Amino acid sequence: MQHKVVSHEQWVEARKRHLVEEKMFTKLRDKLSQARRDLPWELVDKEYVFEGPQGKRTLDQLFDGRGQLVIYHAMFNPETASEQTTWTKDSPCFACSFWMDNFDRVVVHLNHRDITMAAVSRASVDKIEAYRRRVGWEFPWYSSKASDFNFDYHVSFKPGVSVFVREGGKIYHTYSAYARGLDMVNVAYHYMDLVPKGRDENEMGGMAWLHRRDEYPD
């Protein structure tokens, strides 16, 4: 990789010019984040039942007593797995696995800001728990196999994040994001964006380099 090499003084000047743009972006991001928080809410008036290792739980119970809930929709359905799907009969989508690696260790911090983080998939509990043990994850991960939850929030065949709030005894859906909208919750990509090679993916977002954490050849 060839790149322009300059003196320290020239580097500082270039960095200062770039810093101006970074500050503009930071202010714009703050404004966008506030606009996201200001979006209208929609009432969740349908009963959803999930299943975890301790049995069945409602959407309300997924909050675990907190006021806010972020759900990562992980693509994992052994019944539809094939050579064409990004998930297998025993493993979730490799990209979803990458994203879930990114929030496993921050959940404890989110919990102390009134936020519960959980994942939901169409796979059965035994399949989910087997993979969780395989990679050492600790965050809550539930099966939505017996409900319409994935279909109602348009995440049966694509990853996504949905946000809910509980207020006055009712649950509201406040936000959902898909595709590139999920970049904000992938810390690894933020680190890649700092280095010269960046994400090193093609313009179409090719992820041929990516493997599940225990499937890299080295």
N, C-alpha and C. Protein backbone atom coordinates (compact mmCIF):
# COMPACT_ATOMS: atom_id res chain seq x y z
N MET A 1 0.85 -1.19 0.00
CA MET A 1 0.00 0.00 0.00
C MET A 1 0.88 1.24 0.00
N GLN A 2 0.79 2.04 -1.05
CA GLN A 2 1.56 3.27 -1.15
C GLN A 2 0.74 4.45 -0.65
N HIS A 3 1.42 5.34 0.06
CA HIS A 3 0.71 6.49 0.60
C HIS A 3 1.67 7.67 0.67
N LYS A 4 1.15 8.86 0.62
CA LYS A 4 1.96 10.06 0.68
C LYS A 4 2.64 10.16 2.05
N VAL A 5 3.94 10.43 2.06
CA VAL A 5 4.70 10.60 3.30
C VAL A 5 5.18 12.04 3.37
N VAL A 6 4.94 12.69 4.53
CA VAL A 6 5.28 14.10 4.68
C VAL A 6 6.05 14.33 5.99
N SER A 7 6.49 15.55 6.20
CA SER A 7 7.16 15.91 7.45
C SER A 7 6.14 15.99 8.57
N HIS A 8 6.62 16.04 9.82
CA HIS A 8 5.71 16.14 10.96
C HIS A 8 4.86 17.41 10.88
N GLU A 9 5.48 18.52 10.50
CA GLU A 9 4.74 19.78 10.41
C GLU A 9 3.61 19.69 9.39
N GLN A 10 3.91 19.08 8.24
CA GLN A 10 2.88 18.92 7.20
C GLN A 10 1.78 17.97 7.68
N TRP A 11 2.18 16.94 8.42
CA TRP A 11 1.19 15.99 8.95
C TRP A 11 0.25 16.70 9.91
N VAL A 12 0.80 17.53 10.81
CA VAL A 12 -0.02 18.26 11.77
C VAL A 12 -1.02 19.17 11.06
N GLU A 13 -0.57 19.85 10.02
CA GLU A 13 -1.47 20.74 9.28
C GLU A 13 -2.60 19.95 8.62
N ALA A 14 -2.26 18.80 8.04
CA ALA A 14 -3.28 17.97 7.41
C ALA A 14 -4.27 17.44 8.45
N ARG A 15 -3.72 17.06 9.61
CA ARG A 15 -4.58 16.54 10.67
C ARG A 15 -5.52 17.63 11.19
N LYS A 16 -5.04 18.85 11.29
CA LYS A 16 -5.89 19.96 11.75
C LYS A 16 -7.04 20.21 10.78
N ARG A 17 -6.74 20.13 9.48
CA ARG A 17 -7.80 20.34 8.48
C ARG A 17 -8.86 19.24 8.60
N HIS A 18 -8.38 18.02 8.80
CA HIS A 18 -9.32 16.90 8.94
C HIS A 18 -10.11 17.01 10.23
N LEU A 19 -9.50 17.54 11.28
CA LEU A 19 -10.17 17.69 12.57
C LEU A 19 -11.38 18.60 12.48
N VAL A 20 -11.29 19.62 11.63
CA VAL A 20 -12.42 20.51 11.43
C VAL A 20 -13.63 19.72 10.92
N GLU A 21 -13.39 18.83 9.97
CA GLU A 21 -14.47 18.01 9.41
C GLU A 21 -14.98 17.01 10.44
N GLU A 22 -14.06 16.47 11.24
CA GLU A 22 -14.47 15.52 12.28
C GLU A 22 -15.41 16.19 13.28
N LYS A 23 -15.10 17.41 13.67
CA LYS A 23 -15.94 18.12 14.62
C LYS A 23 -17.31 18.43 14.03
N MET A 24 -17.35 18.75 12.74
CA MET A 24 -18.62 18.98 12.07
C MET A 24 -19.45 17.70 12.08
N PHE A 25 -18.78 16.58 11.82
CA PHE A 25 -19.47 15.30 11.82
C PHE A 25 -19.99 14.95 13.20
N THR A 26 -19.19 15.22 14.23
CA THR A 26 -19.61 14.93 15.60
C THR A 26 -20.87 15.71 15.96
N LYS A 27 -20.91 16.98 15.60
CA LYS A 27 -22.08 17.81 15.89
C LYS A 27 -23.29 17.32 15.11
N LEU A 28 -23.07 16.91 13.85
CA LEU A 28 -24.17 16.39 13.05
C LEU A 28 -24.67 15.06 13.63
N ARG A 29 -23.74 14.23 14.10
CA ARG A 29 -24.13 12.95 14.71
C ARG A 29 -24.95 13.19 15.97
N ASP A 30 -24.54 14.15 16.79
CA ASP A 30 -25.30 14.47 18.00
C ASP A 30 -26.71 14.93 17.64
N LYS A 31 -26.82 15.73 16.59
CA LYS A 31 -28.13 16.22 16.15
C LYS A 31 -28.99 15.07 15.65
N LEU A 32 -28.39 14.16 14.89
CA LEU A 32 -29.11 13.01 14.36
C LEU A 32 -29.55 12.08 15.49
N SER A 33 -28.69 11.90 16.48
CA SER A 33 -29.02 11.04 17.62
C SER A 33 -30.20 11.61 18.40
N GLN A 34 -30.21 12.93 18.57
CA GLN A 34 -31.33 13.55 19.26
C GLN A 34 -32.62 13.40 18.45
N ALA A 35 -32.52 13.55 17.13
CA ALA A 35 -33.69 13.38 16.27
C ALA A 35 -34.22 11.94 16.36
N ARG A 36 -33.31 11.00 16.50
CA ARG A 36 -33.71 9.59 16.66
C ARG A 36 -34.49 9.41 17.95
N ARG A 37 -34.00 10.02 19.02
CA ARG A 37 -34.68 9.92 20.32
C ARG A 37 -36.03 10.64 20.30
N ASP A 38 -36.16 11.61 19.42
CA ASP A 38 -37.40 12.39 19.34
C ASP A 38 -38.44 11.77 18.41
N LEU A 39 -38.12 10.67 17.76
CA LEU A 39 -39.09 10.03 16.87
C LEU A 39 -40.35 9.64 17.64
N PRO A 40 -41.49 9.63 16.99
CA PRO A 40 -42.72 9.20 17.67
C PRO A 40 -42.66 7.71 18.01
N TRP A 41 -43.43 7.30 18.98
CA TRP A 41 -43.49 5.90 19.40
C TRP A 41 -44.75 5.25 18.84
N GLU A 42 -44.73 3.92 18.74
CA GLU A 42 -45.94 3.19 18.39
C GLU A 42 -46.20 2.14 19.48
N LEU A 43 -47.46 2.04 19.87
CA LEU A 43 -47.85 1.12 20.93
C LEU A 43 -47.73 -0.33 20.45
N VAL A 44 -47.16 -1.16 21.28
CA VAL A 44 -47.11 -2.60 20.99
C VAL A 44 -48.35 -3.21 21.64
N ASP A 45 -49.33 -3.52 20.83
CA ASP A 45 -50.61 -4.02 21.36
C ASP A 45 -50.83 -5.49 21.05
N LYS A 46 -49.75 -6.18 20.73
CA LYS A 46 -49.83 -7.61 20.44
C LYS A 46 -48.98 -8.37 21.43
N GLU A 47 -49.47 -9.52 21.87
CA GLU A 47 -48.73 -10.33 22.83
C GLU A 47 -47.70 -11.19 22.09
N TYR A 48 -46.45 -11.10 22.54
CA TYR A 48 -45.39 -11.93 21.99
C TYR A 48 -44.82 -12.80 23.11
N VAL A 49 -44.64 -14.07 22.81
CA VAL A 49 -44.07 -14.99 23.79
C VAL A 49 -42.78 -15.58 23.24
N PHE A 50 -41.73 -15.51 24.02
CA PHE A 50 -40.41 -16.02 23.65
C PHE A 50 -40.07 -17.17 24.58
N GLU A 51 -39.01 -17.87 24.24
CA GLU A 51 -38.57 -18.96 25.10
C GLU A 51 -37.08 -18.87 25.34
N GLY A 52 -36.70 -19.00 26.60
CA GLY A 52 -35.30 -19.01 26.99
C GLY A 52 -35.00 -20.24 27.81
N PRO A 53 -33.79 -20.36 28.32
CA PRO A 53 -33.41 -21.55 29.09
C PRO A 53 -34.25 -21.73 30.36
N GLN A 54 -34.87 -20.63 30.85
CA GLN A 54 -35.70 -20.72 32.05
C GLN A 54 -37.18 -20.84 31.72
N GLY A 55 -37.51 -21.00 30.43
CA GLY A 55 -38.90 -21.15 30.05
C GLY A 55 -39.44 -19.98 29.24
N LYS A 56 -40.76 -19.88 29.17
CA LYS A 56 -41.41 -18.86 28.34
C LYS A 56 -41.37 -17.49 29.02
N ARG A 57 -41.24 -16.44 28.19
CA ARG A 57 -41.22 -15.07 28.69
C ARG A 57 -41.95 -14.17 27.70
N THR A 58 -42.67 -13.19 28.22
CA THR A 58 -43.34 -12.22 27.38
C THR A 58 -42.36 -11.12 27.00
N LEU A 59 -42.76 -10.25 26.08
CA LEU A 59 -41.91 -9.12 25.71
C LEU A 59 -41.66 -8.23 26.93
N ASP A 60 -42.69 -8.06 27.76
CA ASP A 60 -42.55 -7.26 28.97
C ASP A 60 -41.48 -7.86 29.89
N GLN A 61 -41.44 -9.16 29.99
CA GLN A 61 -40.46 -9.82 30.87
C GLN A 61 -39.04 -9.74 30.32
N LEU A 62 -38.91 -9.54 29.00
CA LEU A 62 -37.58 -9.42 28.41
C LEU A 62 -36.87 -8.15 28.90
N PHE A 63 -37.63 -7.17 29.38
CA PHE A 63 -37.03 -5.95 29.92
C PHE A 63 -36.23 -6.22 31.19
N ASP A 64 -36.51 -7.32 31.87
CA ASP A 64 -35.83 -7.67 33.12
C ASP A 64 -35.90 -6.55 34.15
N GLY A 65 -37.05 -5.87 34.19
CA GLY A 65 -37.25 -4.85 35.19
C GLY A 65 -36.75 -3.47 34.82
N ARG A 66 -36.10 -3.35 33.66
CA ARG A 66 -35.58 -2.04 33.23
C ARG A 66 -36.60 -1.33 32.32
N GLY A 67 -36.30 -0.09 31.99
CA GLY A 67 -37.26 0.70 31.22
C GLY A 67 -37.06 0.69 29.72
N GLN A 68 -35.87 0.26 29.27
CA GLN A 68 -35.56 0.28 27.84
C GLN A 68 -35.00 -1.07 27.40
N LEU A 69 -35.34 -1.45 26.18
CA LEU A 69 -34.94 -2.77 25.67
C LEU A 69 -34.44 -2.64 24.23
N VAL A 70 -33.26 -3.16 23.99
CA VAL A 70 -32.69 -3.22 22.63
C VAL A 70 -32.60 -4.68 22.24
N ILE A 71 -33.23 -5.03 21.14
CA ILE A 71 -33.21 -6.41 20.66
C ILE A 71 -32.45 -6.50 19.36
N TYR A 72 -31.45 -7.39 19.35
CA TYR A 72 -30.74 -7.67 18.10
C TYR A 72 -31.39 -8.90 17.47
N HIS A 73 -31.84 -8.75 16.25
CA HIS A 73 -32.49 -9.84 15.53
C HIS A 73 -31.43 -10.65 14.79
N ALA A 74 -31.05 -11.78 15.36
CA ALA A 74 -30.00 -12.62 14.77
C ALA A 74 -30.61 -13.66 13.84
N MET A 75 -30.10 -13.72 12.63
CA MET A 75 -30.62 -14.68 11.64
C MET A 75 -30.10 -16.08 11.98
N PHE A 76 -30.99 -16.91 12.48
CA PHE A 76 -30.63 -18.28 12.85
C PHE A 76 -31.91 -19.10 12.89
N ASN A 77 -32.11 -19.89 11.84
CA ASN A 77 -33.29 -20.75 11.75
C ASN A 77 -32.87 -22.07 11.10
N PRO A 78 -32.52 -23.08 11.89
CA PRO A 78 -32.06 -24.36 11.35
C PRO A 78 -33.01 -24.97 10.34
N GLU A 79 -34.30 -24.70 10.47
CA GLU A 79 -35.30 -25.30 9.56
C GLU A 79 -35.19 -24.77 8.14
N THR A 80 -34.62 -23.58 7.96
CA THR A 80 -34.49 -23.01 6.62
C THR A 80 -33.03 -22.97 6.15
N ALA A 81 -32.13 -23.53 6.94
CA ALA A 81 -30.71 -23.49 6.59
C ALA A 81 -30.42 -24.28 5.32
N SER A 82 -29.53 -23.70 4.49
CA SER A 82 -29.12 -24.37 3.26
C SER A 82 -27.76 -23.82 2.86
N GLU A 83 -27.23 -24.27 1.75
CA GLU A 83 -25.94 -23.76 1.28
C GLU A 83 -26.05 -22.30 0.85
N GLN A 84 -27.26 -21.82 0.63
CA GLN A 84 -27.46 -20.44 0.19
C GLN A 84 -27.66 -19.47 1.36
N THR A 85 -27.90 -19.96 2.57
CA THR A 85 -28.14 -19.07 3.71
C THR A 85 -26.84 -18.78 4.44
N THR A 86 -26.81 -17.63 5.12
CA THR A 86 -25.62 -17.26 5.89
C THR A 86 -25.60 -17.94 7.25
N TRP A 87 -26.66 -18.64 7.60
CA TRP A 87 -26.71 -19.43 8.83
C TRP A 87 -26.73 -20.91 8.46
N THR A 88 -26.40 -21.76 9.42
CA THR A 88 -26.41 -23.20 9.22
C THR A 88 -27.38 -23.83 10.20
N LYS A 89 -27.44 -25.14 10.22
CA LYS A 89 -28.33 -25.82 11.15
C LYS A 89 -27.86 -25.68 12.60
N ASP A 90 -26.57 -25.34 12.77
CA ASP A 90 -26.03 -25.26 14.12
C ASP A 90 -25.45 -23.90 14.49
N SER A 91 -25.40 -22.96 13.53
CA SER A 91 -24.75 -21.67 13.79
C SER A 91 -25.57 -20.52 13.20
N PRO A 92 -25.62 -19.39 13.89
CA PRO A 92 -26.31 -18.23 13.34
C PRO A 92 -25.54 -17.65 12.16
N CYS A 93 -26.12 -16.72 11.47
CA CYS A 93 -25.46 -16.00 10.38
C CYS A 93 -24.09 -15.54 10.85
N PHE A 94 -23.06 -15.74 10.01
CA PHE A 94 -21.70 -15.39 10.43
C PHE A 94 -21.57 -13.89 10.68
N ALA A 95 -22.32 -13.07 9.92
CA ALA A 95 -22.27 -11.62 10.14
C ALA A 95 -22.97 -11.26 11.46
N CYS A 96 -24.10 -11.91 11.73
CA CYS A 96 -24.79 -11.66 13.00
C CYS A 96 -23.90 -12.07 14.17
N SER A 97 -23.18 -13.16 14.01
CA SER A 97 -22.26 -13.60 15.06
C SER A 97 -21.19 -12.54 15.32
N PHE A 98 -20.71 -11.91 14.26
CA PHE A 98 -19.74 -10.82 14.36
C PHE A 98 -20.32 -9.66 15.15
N TRP A 99 -21.55 -9.29 14.83
CA TRP A 99 -22.19 -8.18 15.53
C TRP A 99 -22.40 -8.52 17.00
N MET A 100 -22.84 -9.74 17.29
CA MET A 100 -23.10 -10.11 18.68
C MET A 100 -21.81 -10.20 19.49
N ASP A 101 -20.70 -10.54 18.85
CA ASP A 101 -19.41 -10.49 19.53
C ASP A 101 -19.14 -9.09 20.07
N ASN A 102 -19.65 -8.09 19.36
CA ASN A 102 -19.35 -6.70 19.70
C ASN A 102 -20.10 -6.17 20.92
N PHE A 103 -21.22 -6.80 21.27
CA PHE A 103 -21.93 -6.25 22.43
C PHE A 103 -21.96 -7.17 23.64
N ASP A 104 -21.36 -8.34 23.55
CA ASP A 104 -21.42 -9.28 24.66
C ASP A 104 -20.88 -8.69 25.96
N ARG A 105 -19.73 -8.02 25.90
CA ARG A 105 -19.08 -7.56 27.12
C ARG A 105 -19.53 -6.17 27.58
N VAL A 106 -20.36 -5.49 26.78
CA VAL A 106 -20.81 -4.15 27.19
C VAL A 106 -22.18 -4.19 27.85
N VAL A 107 -22.83 -5.34 27.83
CA VAL A 107 -24.19 -5.44 28.36
C VAL A 107 -24.27 -4.99 29.82
N VAL A 108 -23.29 -5.35 30.63
CA VAL A 108 -23.32 -4.97 32.04
C VAL A 108 -23.35 -3.45 32.20
N HIS A 109 -22.67 -2.74 31.32
CA HIS A 109 -22.66 -1.28 31.38
C HIS A 109 -24.02 -0.72 30.94
N LEU A 110 -24.60 -1.32 29.92
CA LEU A 110 -25.92 -0.88 29.46
C LEU A 110 -26.96 -1.09 30.55
N ASN A 111 -26.86 -2.22 31.24
CA ASN A 111 -27.81 -2.52 32.32
C ASN A 111 -27.82 -1.41 33.37
N HIS A 112 -26.68 -0.79 33.60
CA HIS A 112 -26.60 0.27 34.60
C HIS A 112 -27.04 1.63 34.05
N ARG A 113 -27.51 1.64 32.81
CA ARG A 113 -28.12 2.84 32.24
C ARG A 113 -29.57 2.55 31.85
N ASP A 114 -30.20 1.62 32.58
CA ASP A 114 -31.61 1.30 32.39
C ASP A 114 -31.89 0.68 31.02
N ILE A 115 -30.91 -0.05 30.48
CA ILE A 115 -31.06 -0.68 29.16
C ILE A 115 -30.81 -2.18 29.28
N THR A 116 -31.74 -2.96 28.77
CA THR A 116 -31.54 -4.40 28.66
C THR A 116 -31.23 -4.72 27.20
N MET A 117 -30.21 -5.51 26.99
CA MET A 117 -29.82 -5.92 25.64
C MET A 117 -30.06 -7.42 25.49
N ALA A 118 -30.72 -7.81 24.42
CA ALA A 118 -31.01 -9.22 24.19
C ALA A 118 -31.01 -9.51 22.70
N ALA A 119 -30.82 -10.77 22.37
CA ALA A 119 -30.91 -11.22 20.98
C ALA A 119 -32.12 -12.13 20.84
N VAL A 120 -32.69 -12.16 19.65
CA VAL A 120 -33.85 -13.01 19.37
C VAL A 120 -33.63 -13.70 18.03
N SER A 121 -33.94 -14.99 17.97
CA SER A 121 -33.80 -15.76 16.73
C SER A 121 -34.94 -16.75 16.60
N ARG A 122 -35.12 -17.26 15.39
CA ARG A 122 -36.17 -18.26 15.14
C ARG A 122 -35.74 -19.65 15.57
N ALA A 123 -34.47 -19.85 15.86
CA ALA A 123 -33.98 -21.17 16.26
C ALA A 123 -34.58 -21.58 17.60
N SER A 124 -34.57 -22.87 17.88
CA SER A 124 -35.06 -23.38 19.15
C SER A 124 -34.06 -23.07 20.26
N VAL A 125 -34.52 -23.14 21.49
CA VAL A 125 -33.67 -22.81 22.63
C VAL A 125 -32.44 -23.70 22.70
N ASP A 126 -32.60 -25.00 22.43
CA ASP A 126 -31.45 -25.90 22.53
C ASP A 126 -30.37 -25.55 21.51
N LYS A 127 -30.75 -25.13 20.31
CA LYS A 127 -29.78 -24.72 19.30
C LYS A 127 -29.09 -23.42 19.72
N ILE A 128 -29.87 -22.50 20.25
CA ILE A 128 -29.32 -21.22 20.69
C ILE A 128 -28.33 -21.43 21.83
N GLU A 129 -28.73 -22.22 22.82
CA GLU A 129 -27.86 -22.44 23.98
C GLU A 129 -26.59 -23.19 23.60
N ALA A 130 -26.69 -24.11 22.66
CA ALA A 130 -25.50 -24.86 22.22
C ALA A 130 -24.47 -23.92 21.60
N TYR A 131 -24.95 -22.98 20.78
CA TYR A 131 -24.01 -22.05 20.15
C TYR A 131 -23.49 -21.03 21.17
N ARG A 132 -24.33 -20.62 22.06
CA ARG A 132 -23.89 -19.67 23.10
C ARG A 132 -22.75 -20.28 23.93
N ARG A 133 -22.90 -21.54 24.31
CA ARG A 133 -21.84 -22.21 25.06
C ARG A 133 -20.58 -22.35 24.23
N ARG A 134 -20.76 -22.62 22.95
CA ARG A 134 -19.62 -22.80 22.03
C ARG A 134 -18.73 -21.56 21.98
N VAL A 135 -19.34 -20.36 21.94
CA VAL A 135 -18.56 -19.13 21.80
C VAL A 135 -18.40 -18.34 23.10
N GLY A 136 -19.06 -18.79 24.17
CA GLY A 136 -18.88 -18.16 25.46
C GLY A 136 -19.65 -16.88 25.71
N TRP A 137 -20.75 -16.67 24.99
CA TRP A 137 -21.55 -15.47 25.20
C TRP A 137 -22.37 -15.56 26.47
N GLU A 138 -22.66 -14.40 27.08
CA GLU A 138 -23.43 -14.37 28.32
C GLU A 138 -24.72 -13.56 28.23
N PHE A 139 -24.91 -12.78 27.16
CA PHE A 139 -26.10 -11.93 27.07
C PHE A 139 -27.36 -12.79 26.84
N PRO A 140 -28.53 -12.29 27.19
CA PRO A 140 -29.79 -13.02 26.98
C PRO A 140 -30.05 -13.23 25.48
N TRP A 141 -30.47 -14.43 25.13
CA TRP A 141 -30.76 -14.76 23.73
C TRP A 141 -31.97 -15.68 23.72
N TYR A 142 -33.05 -15.24 23.11
CA TYR A 142 -34.31 -15.96 23.18
C TYR A 142 -34.76 -16.49 21.82
N SER A 143 -35.59 -17.53 21.89
CA SER A 143 -36.21 -18.08 20.69
C SER A 143 -37.57 -17.43 20.47
N SER A 144 -37.80 -17.00 19.23
CA SER A 144 -39.10 -16.42 18.87
C SER A 144 -39.86 -17.38 17.94
N LYS A 145 -39.46 -18.65 17.99
CA LYS A 145 -40.01 -19.65 17.09
C LYS A 145 -41.52 -19.74 17.15
N ALA A 146 -42.10 -19.53 18.32
CA ALA A 146 -43.55 -19.71 18.48
C ALA A 146 -44.34 -18.42 18.30
N SER A 147 -43.69 -17.34 17.83
CA SER A 147 -44.42 -16.07 17.70
C SER A 147 -44.20 -15.44 16.32
N ASP A 148 -44.93 -14.36 16.09
CA ASP A 148 -44.81 -13.62 14.82
C ASP A 148 -43.82 -12.46 14.94
N PHE A 149 -43.08 -12.41 16.02
CA PHE A 149 -42.24 -11.26 16.31
C PHE A 149 -41.31 -10.90 15.15
N ASN A 150 -40.58 -11.88 14.64
CA ASN A 150 -39.64 -11.61 13.55
C ASN A 150 -40.34 -11.08 12.31
N PHE A 151 -41.48 -11.65 12.01
CA PHE A 151 -42.21 -11.23 10.82
C PHE A 151 -42.80 -9.83 10.99
N ASP A 152 -43.32 -9.56 12.16
CA ASP A 152 -43.93 -8.26 12.41
C ASP A 152 -42.91 -7.13 12.36
N TYR A 153 -41.66 -7.45 12.73
CA TYR A 153 -40.62 -6.41 12.71
C TYR A 153 -39.66 -6.57 11.54
N HIS A 154 -40.09 -7.36 10.55
CA HIS A 154 -39.44 -7.45 9.24
C HIS A 154 -37.97 -7.89 9.33
N VAL A 155 -37.72 -8.91 10.14
CA VAL A 155 -36.33 -9.37 10.32
C VAL A 155 -36.20 -10.88 10.19
N SER A 156 -37.05 -11.50 9.39
CA SER A 156 -36.95 -12.94 9.23
C SER A 156 -35.75 -13.35 8.39
N PHE A 157 -35.39 -12.53 7.40
CA PHE A 157 -34.29 -12.90 6.51
C PHE A 157 -33.24 -11.80 6.39
N LYS A 158 -33.17 -10.93 7.38
CA LYS A 158 -32.12 -9.93 7.43
C LYS A 158 -31.91 -9.52 8.89
N PRO A 159 -30.69 -9.14 9.21
CA PRO A 159 -30.43 -8.73 10.60
C PRO A 159 -31.02 -7.36 10.87
N GLY A 160 -31.24 -7.08 12.13
CA GLY A 160 -31.78 -5.77 12.48
C GLY A 160 -31.72 -5.54 13.98
N VAL A 161 -32.00 -4.31 14.37
CA VAL A 161 -32.07 -3.92 15.77
C VAL A 161 -33.40 -3.21 15.98
N SER A 162 -34.10 -3.58 17.04
CA SER A 162 -35.35 -2.91 17.39
C SER A 162 -35.26 -2.42 18.83
N VAL A 163 -35.81 -1.23 19.07
CA VAL A 163 -35.75 -0.61 20.39
C VAL A 163 -37.15 -0.43 20.94
N PHE A 164 -37.30 -0.75 22.22
CA PHE A 164 -38.60 -0.63 22.89
C PHE A 164 -38.42 0.10 24.22
N VAL A 165 -39.50 0.75 24.67
CA VAL A 165 -39.50 1.42 25.96
C VAL A 165 -40.76 1.01 26.70
N ARG A 166 -40.64 0.91 28.01
CA ARG A 166 -41.80 0.57 28.84
C ARG A 166 -42.13 1.76 29.73
N GLU A 167 -43.36 2.24 29.59
CA GLU A 167 -43.76 3.45 30.32
C GLU A 167 -45.25 3.38 30.64
N GLY A 168 -45.59 3.66 31.89
CA GLY A 168 -46.99 3.66 32.28
C GLY A 168 -47.68 2.32 32.10
N GLY A 169 -46.91 1.24 32.27
CA GLY A 169 -47.49 -0.09 32.13
C GLY A 169 -47.69 -0.55 30.70
N LYS A 170 -47.24 0.24 29.74
CA LYS A 170 -47.38 -0.12 28.33
C LYS A 170 -46.00 -0.17 27.66
N ILE A 171 -45.93 -0.90 26.54
CA ILE A 171 -44.68 -1.05 25.79
C ILE A 171 -44.83 -0.35 24.45
N TYR A 172 -43.79 0.40 24.08
CA TYR A 172 -43.80 1.12 22.81
C TYR A 172 -42.56 0.75 21.99
N HIS A 173 -42.75 0.67 20.70
CA HIS A 173 -41.64 0.47 19.76
C HIS A 173 -41.18 1.86 19.34
N THR A 174 -39.87 2.15 19.52
CA THR A 174 -39.38 3.50 19.26
C THR A 174 -38.46 3.61 18.06
N TYR A 175 -37.80 2.50 17.68
CA TYR A 175 -36.81 2.61 16.60
C TYR A 175 -36.46 1.22 16.08
N SER A 176 -36.13 1.14 14.79
CA SER A 176 -35.58 -0.07 14.18
C SER A 176 -34.58 0.33 13.12
N ALA A 177 -33.58 -0.51 12.91
CA ALA A 177 -32.57 -0.24 11.89
C ALA A 177 -32.14 -1.56 11.27
N TYR A 178 -31.72 -1.49 10.01
CA TYR A 178 -31.28 -2.68 9.28
C TYR A 178 -30.05 -2.32 8.44
N ALA A 179 -29.41 -3.36 7.91
CA ALA A 179 -28.28 -3.18 6.99
C ALA A 179 -27.24 -2.21 7.58
N ARG A 180 -26.85 -1.16 6.81
CA ARG A 180 -25.82 -0.23 7.27
C ARG A 180 -26.23 0.54 8.52
N GLY A 181 -27.51 0.54 8.83
CA GLY A 181 -27.97 1.18 10.05
C GLY A 181 -27.45 0.49 11.30
N LEU A 182 -26.95 -0.74 11.14
CA LEU A 182 -26.42 -1.49 12.28
C LEU A 182 -24.96 -1.18 12.56
N ASP A 183 -24.32 -0.42 11.67
CA ASP A 183 -22.89 -0.12 11.86
C ASP A 183 -22.61 0.52 13.22
N MET A 184 -23.55 1.30 13.71
CA MET A 184 -23.33 2.03 14.96
C MET A 184 -23.14 1.11 16.16
N VAL A 185 -23.58 -0.14 16.07
CA VAL A 185 -23.43 -1.06 17.20
C VAL A 185 -22.31 -2.08 16.97
N ASN A 186 -21.49 -1.84 15.94
CA ASN A 186 -20.36 -2.73 15.67
C ASN A 186 -19.06 -1.99 15.97
N VAL A 187 -18.54 -2.20 17.17
CA VAL A 187 -17.33 -1.50 17.60
C VAL A 187 -16.13 -1.86 16.74
N ALA A 188 -16.06 -3.10 16.29
CA ALA A 188 -14.92 -3.54 15.48
C ALA A 188 -14.79 -2.71 14.21
N TYR A 189 -15.93 -2.41 13.58
CA TYR A 189 -15.89 -1.60 12.37
C TYR A 189 -15.38 -0.19 12.65
N HIS A 190 -15.69 0.35 13.82
CA HIS A 190 -15.20 1.68 14.16
C HIS A 190 -13.68 1.69 14.28
N TYR A 191 -13.13 0.61 14.82
CA TYR A 191 -11.67 0.50 14.88
C TYR A 191 -11.08 0.40 13.47
N MET A 192 -11.72 -0.40 12.61
CA MET A 192 -11.23 -0.55 11.24
C MET A 192 -11.25 0.78 10.50
N ASP A 193 -12.25 1.61 10.81
CA ASP A 193 -12.36 2.91 10.15
C ASP A 193 -11.24 3.86 10.57
N LEU A 194 -10.51 3.53 11.64
CA LEU A 194 -9.40 4.37 12.10
C LEU A 194 -8.10 4.10 11.35
N VAL A 195 -7.95 2.87 10.83
CA VAL A 195 -6.66 2.47 10.27
C VAL A 195 -6.61 2.70 8.76
N PRO A 196 -5.39 2.77 8.18
CA PRO A 196 -5.24 3.10 6.75
C PRO A 196 -6.02 2.21 5.79
N LYS A 197 -6.08 0.92 6.04
CA LYS A 197 -6.79 0.04 5.11
C LYS A 197 -8.30 0.07 5.28
N GLY A 198 -8.77 0.72 6.35
CA GLY A 198 -10.21 0.78 6.59
C GLY A 198 -10.80 -0.61 6.77
N ARG A 199 -11.99 -0.80 6.29
CA ARG A 199 -12.66 -2.10 6.42
C ARG A 199 -12.13 -3.11 5.40
N ASP A 200 -11.42 -2.59 4.41
CA ASP A 200 -10.81 -3.46 3.41
C ASP A 200 -11.82 -4.38 2.74
N GLU A 201 -13.01 -3.84 2.52
CA GLU A 201 -14.07 -4.58 1.84
C GLU A 201 -14.39 -3.86 0.53
N ASN A 202 -14.98 -4.56 -0.41
CA ASN A 202 -15.29 -3.90 -1.67
C ASN A 202 -16.48 -2.97 -1.51
N GLU A 203 -16.81 -2.24 -2.55
CA GLU A 203 -17.88 -1.24 -2.49
C GLU A 203 -19.24 -1.86 -2.20
N MET A 204 -19.39 -3.15 -2.48
CA MET A 204 -20.66 -3.82 -2.22
C MET A 204 -20.72 -4.38 -0.80
N GLY A 205 -19.69 -4.08 0.01
CA GLY A 205 -19.70 -4.56 1.39
C GLY A 205 -19.32 -6.02 1.51
N GLY A 206 -18.49 -6.50 0.59
CA GLY A 206 -18.10 -7.91 0.62
C GLY A 206 -17.46 -8.31 1.93
N MET A 207 -17.93 -9.41 2.50
CA MET A 207 -17.43 -9.85 3.80
C MET A 207 -16.82 -11.25 3.72
N ALA A 208 -16.17 -11.52 2.59
CA ALA A 208 -15.58 -12.84 2.41
C ALA A 208 -14.50 -13.13 3.45
N TRP A 209 -13.91 -12.08 4.02
CA TRP A 209 -12.87 -12.24 5.03
C TRP A 209 -13.40 -12.74 6.36
N LEU A 210 -14.70 -12.52 6.60
CA LEU A 210 -15.28 -12.72 7.92
C LEU A 210 -15.64 -14.18 8.18
N HIS A 211 -15.32 -14.63 9.39
CA HIS A 211 -15.68 -15.96 9.87
C HIS A 211 -16.25 -15.85 11.27
N ARG A 212 -16.96 -16.87 11.71
CA ARG A 212 -17.35 -16.92 13.11
C ARG A 212 -16.08 -17.00 13.95
N ARG A 213 -16.14 -16.52 15.17
CA ARG A 213 -14.94 -16.31 15.98
C ARG A 213 -14.08 -17.55 16.12
N ASP A 214 -14.68 -18.75 16.08
CA ASP A 214 -13.91 -19.98 16.24
C ASP A 214 -13.72 -20.74 14.91
N GLU A 215 -13.92 -20.04 13.78
CA GLU A 215 -13.79 -20.70 12.48
C GLU A 215 -12.71 -20.08 11.59
N TYR A 216 -11.94 -19.12 12.12
CA TYR A 216 -10.84 -18.57 11.33
C TYR A 216 -9.78 -19.66 11.13
N PRO A 217 -9.22 -19.75 9.93
CA PRO A 217 -8.25 -20.83 9.64
C PRO A 217 -7.00 -20.78 10.49
N ASP A 218 -6.63 -19.60 11.01
CA ASP A 218 -5.43 -19.51 11.85
C ASP A 218 -5.80 -19.36 13.32
